[in-house]
Amino acid sequence: MAARNVWIYEGRSFKLFDSEDEAQSWLKENDPEGIVIEQQISERRPAGSADQYGVPKADEAS
């Protein structure tokens, strides 16, 4: 799964939209003064693969 952008609304509820048009349409009907925030969602990485992606391993002191 490649990275993708989603639009997030958090107000009286939490909603996730696949497109800005979809988000704006929902806002117009449900919360005209609300806003949505665009966020990039990265692909999932398999458990135990942090070192393959340059993420340092936790040491026993942390």
N, C-alpha and C. Protein backbone atom coordinates (compact mmCIF):
# COMPACT_ATOMS: atom_id res chain seq x y z
N MET A 1 0.84 -1.17 0.00
CA MET A 1 0.00 0.00 0.00
C MET A 1 0.89 1.24 0.00
N ALA A 2 0.71 2.09 -0.95
CA ALA A 2 1.49 3.33 -1.04
C ALA A 2 0.90 4.38 -0.11
N ALA A 3 1.71 5.41 0.17
CA ALA A 3 1.22 6.51 0.99
C ALA A 3 0.06 7.19 0.27
N ARG A 4 -0.88 7.72 1.04
CA ARG A 4 -2.02 8.43 0.47
C ARG A 4 -2.43 9.55 1.40
N ASN A 5 -3.18 10.49 0.87
CA ASN A 5 -3.68 11.59 1.68
C ASN A 5 -5.12 11.33 2.06
N VAL A 6 -5.46 11.70 3.29
CA VAL A 6 -6.83 11.63 3.78
C VAL A 6 -7.16 12.98 4.40
N TRP A 7 -8.43 13.24 4.59
CA TRP A 7 -8.89 14.47 5.22
C TRP A 7 -9.62 14.08 6.50
N ILE A 8 -9.25 14.72 7.59
CA ILE A 8 -9.76 14.34 8.91
C ILE A 8 -10.58 15.49 9.48
N TYR A 9 -11.74 15.15 10.02
CA TYR A 9 -12.60 16.10 10.72
C TYR A 9 -12.73 15.62 12.15
N GLU A 10 -12.49 16.50 13.09
CA GLU A 10 -12.69 16.16 14.50
C GLU A 10 -13.48 17.30 15.12
N GLY A 11 -14.68 17.00 15.50
CA GLY A 11 -15.57 17.98 16.11
C GLY A 11 -16.45 17.24 17.08
N ARG A 12 -17.74 17.27 16.81
CA ARG A 12 -18.66 16.50 17.65
C ARG A 12 -18.49 15.01 17.40
N SER A 13 -17.83 14.68 16.31
CA SER A 13 -17.51 13.29 15.97
C SER A 13 -16.17 13.29 15.25
N PHE A 14 -15.70 12.14 14.89
CA PHE A 14 -14.45 11.99 14.15
C PHE A 14 -14.78 11.35 12.81
N LYS A 15 -14.35 11.96 11.73
CA LYS A 15 -14.63 11.43 10.39
C LYS A 15 -13.35 11.40 9.59
N LEU A 16 -13.24 10.43 8.69
CA LEU A 16 -12.11 10.28 7.79
C LEU A 16 -12.66 10.25 6.37
N PHE A 17 -12.10 11.07 5.48
CA PHE A 17 -12.59 11.18 4.11
C PHE A 17 -11.47 10.85 3.13
N ASP A 18 -11.82 10.24 2.00
CA ASP A 18 -10.84 9.87 0.98
C ASP A 18 -10.52 11.02 0.03
N SER A 19 -11.35 12.05 -0.02
CA SER A 19 -11.08 13.17 -0.92
C SER A 19 -11.53 14.47 -0.27
N GLU A 20 -10.92 15.56 -0.72
CA GLU A 20 -11.31 16.87 -0.18
C GLU A 20 -12.74 17.21 -0.58
N ASP A 21 -13.14 16.84 -1.80
CA ASP A 21 -14.53 17.10 -2.23
C ASP A 21 -15.53 16.40 -1.33
N GLU A 22 -15.24 15.15 -1.00
CA GLU A 22 -16.11 14.38 -0.10
C GLU A 22 -16.19 15.06 1.27
N ALA A 23 -15.05 15.51 1.79
CA ALA A 23 -15.02 16.18 3.08
C ALA A 23 -15.80 17.49 3.06
N GLN A 24 -15.59 18.30 2.01
CA GLN A 24 -16.28 19.59 1.93
C GLN A 24 -17.79 19.41 1.78
N SER A 25 -18.20 18.40 1.03
CA SER A 25 -19.62 18.12 0.88
C SER A 25 -20.25 17.75 2.22
N TRP A 26 -19.56 16.91 3.00
CA TRP A 26 -20.07 16.52 4.31
C TRP A 26 -20.14 17.73 5.23
N LEU A 27 -19.09 18.56 5.22
CA LEU A 27 -19.08 19.75 6.07
C LEU A 27 -20.24 20.67 5.73
N LYS A 28 -20.50 20.88 4.46
CA LYS A 28 -21.57 21.79 4.03
C LYS A 28 -22.91 21.37 4.63
N GLU A 29 -23.15 20.07 4.69
CA GLU A 29 -24.42 19.55 5.22
C GLU A 29 -24.45 19.42 6.74
N ASN A 30 -23.29 19.14 7.36
CA ASN A 30 -23.28 18.78 8.78
C ASN A 30 -22.61 19.77 9.72
N ASP A 31 -21.65 20.53 9.25
CA ASP A 31 -20.94 21.48 10.12
C ASP A 31 -20.32 22.57 9.24
N PRO A 32 -21.15 23.49 8.73
CA PRO A 32 -20.67 24.51 7.79
C PRO A 32 -19.51 25.36 8.30
N GLU A 33 -19.36 25.47 9.60
CA GLU A 33 -18.25 26.26 10.15
C GLU A 33 -17.05 25.39 10.52
N GLY A 34 -17.14 24.08 10.29
CA GLY A 34 -16.06 23.16 10.63
C GLY A 34 -14.94 23.19 9.60
N ILE A 35 -13.85 22.54 9.94
CA ILE A 35 -12.72 22.42 9.02
C ILE A 35 -12.25 20.97 9.00
N VAL A 36 -11.56 20.63 7.92
CA VAL A 36 -10.91 19.33 7.83
C VAL A 36 -9.42 19.57 7.65
N ILE A 37 -8.63 18.62 8.08
CA ILE A 37 -7.17 18.72 7.98
C ILE A 37 -6.68 17.59 7.09
N GLU A 38 -5.83 17.94 6.12
CA GLU A 38 -5.25 16.93 5.23
C GLU A 38 -4.05 16.29 5.92
N GLN A 39 -3.97 14.98 5.83
CA GLN A 39 -2.88 14.24 6.46
C GLN A 39 -2.43 13.12 5.54
N GLN A 40 -1.12 12.92 5.40
CA GLN A 40 -0.61 11.82 4.61
C GLN A 40 -0.49 10.58 5.48
N ILE A 41 -1.02 9.48 4.99
CA ILE A 41 -0.96 8.20 5.69
C ILE A 41 0.08 7.34 4.98
N SER A 42 1.08 6.87 5.71
CA SER A 42 2.14 6.05 5.13
C SER A 42 1.74 4.59 5.09
N GLU A 43 2.46 3.85 4.30
CA GLU A 43 2.19 2.42 4.23
C GLU A 43 2.54 1.76 5.55
N ARG A 44 1.85 0.69 5.86
CA ARG A 44 2.12 -0.06 7.10
C ARG A 44 3.42 -0.82 6.95
N ARG A 45 4.12 -0.93 8.03
CA ARG A 45 5.37 -1.68 8.04
C ARG A 45 5.20 -2.91 8.91
N PRO A 46 5.78 -4.00 8.50
CA PRO A 46 5.64 -5.23 9.29
C PRO A 46 6.27 -5.10 10.67
N ALA A 47 5.68 -5.76 11.64
CA ALA A 47 6.22 -5.75 13.00
C ALA A 47 7.64 -6.29 12.99
N GLY A 48 8.49 -5.68 13.78
CA GLY A 48 9.87 -6.16 13.89
C GLY A 48 10.78 -5.68 12.79
N SER A 49 10.31 -4.77 11.94
CA SER A 49 11.13 -4.33 10.81
C SER A 49 11.69 -2.92 10.98
N ALA A 50 11.63 -2.37 12.19
CA ALA A 50 12.06 -0.98 12.42
C ALA A 50 13.48 -0.74 11.95
N ASP A 51 14.39 -1.68 12.22
CA ASP A 51 15.79 -1.47 11.83
C ASP A 51 15.95 -1.41 10.31
N GLN A 52 15.07 -2.00 9.55
CA GLN A 52 15.13 -1.95 8.08
C GLN A 52 14.78 -0.56 7.56
N TYR A 53 14.10 0.25 8.38
CA TYR A 53 13.64 1.57 7.96
C TYR A 53 14.41 2.69 8.65
N GLY A 54 15.55 2.37 9.28
CA GLY A 54 16.36 3.39 9.91
C GLY A 54 15.87 3.86 11.25
N VAL A 55 14.97 3.11 11.87
CA VAL A 55 14.47 3.48 13.18
C VAL A 55 15.37 2.83 14.22
N PRO A 56 15.96 3.62 15.10
CA PRO A 56 16.87 3.01 16.09
C PRO A 56 16.12 2.09 17.05
N LYS A 57 16.79 1.02 17.43
CA LYS A 57 16.20 0.09 18.39
C LYS A 57 16.27 0.69 19.78
N ALA A 58 15.24 0.42 20.58
CA ALA A 58 15.22 0.89 21.97
C ALA A 58 16.26 0.13 22.76
N ASP A 59 16.95 0.82 23.65
CA ASP A 59 17.88 0.13 24.53
C ASP A 59 17.19 -0.15 25.85
N GLU A 60 17.82 -0.92 26.68
CA GLU A 60 17.20 -1.31 27.95
C GLU A 60 16.99 -0.14 28.88
N ALA A 61 17.73 0.95 28.71
CA ALA A 61 17.59 2.11 29.58
C ALA A 61 16.38 2.93 29.25
N SER A 62 15.77 2.78 28.04
CA SER A 62 14.62 3.60 27.70
C SER A 62 13.32 2.99 28.13
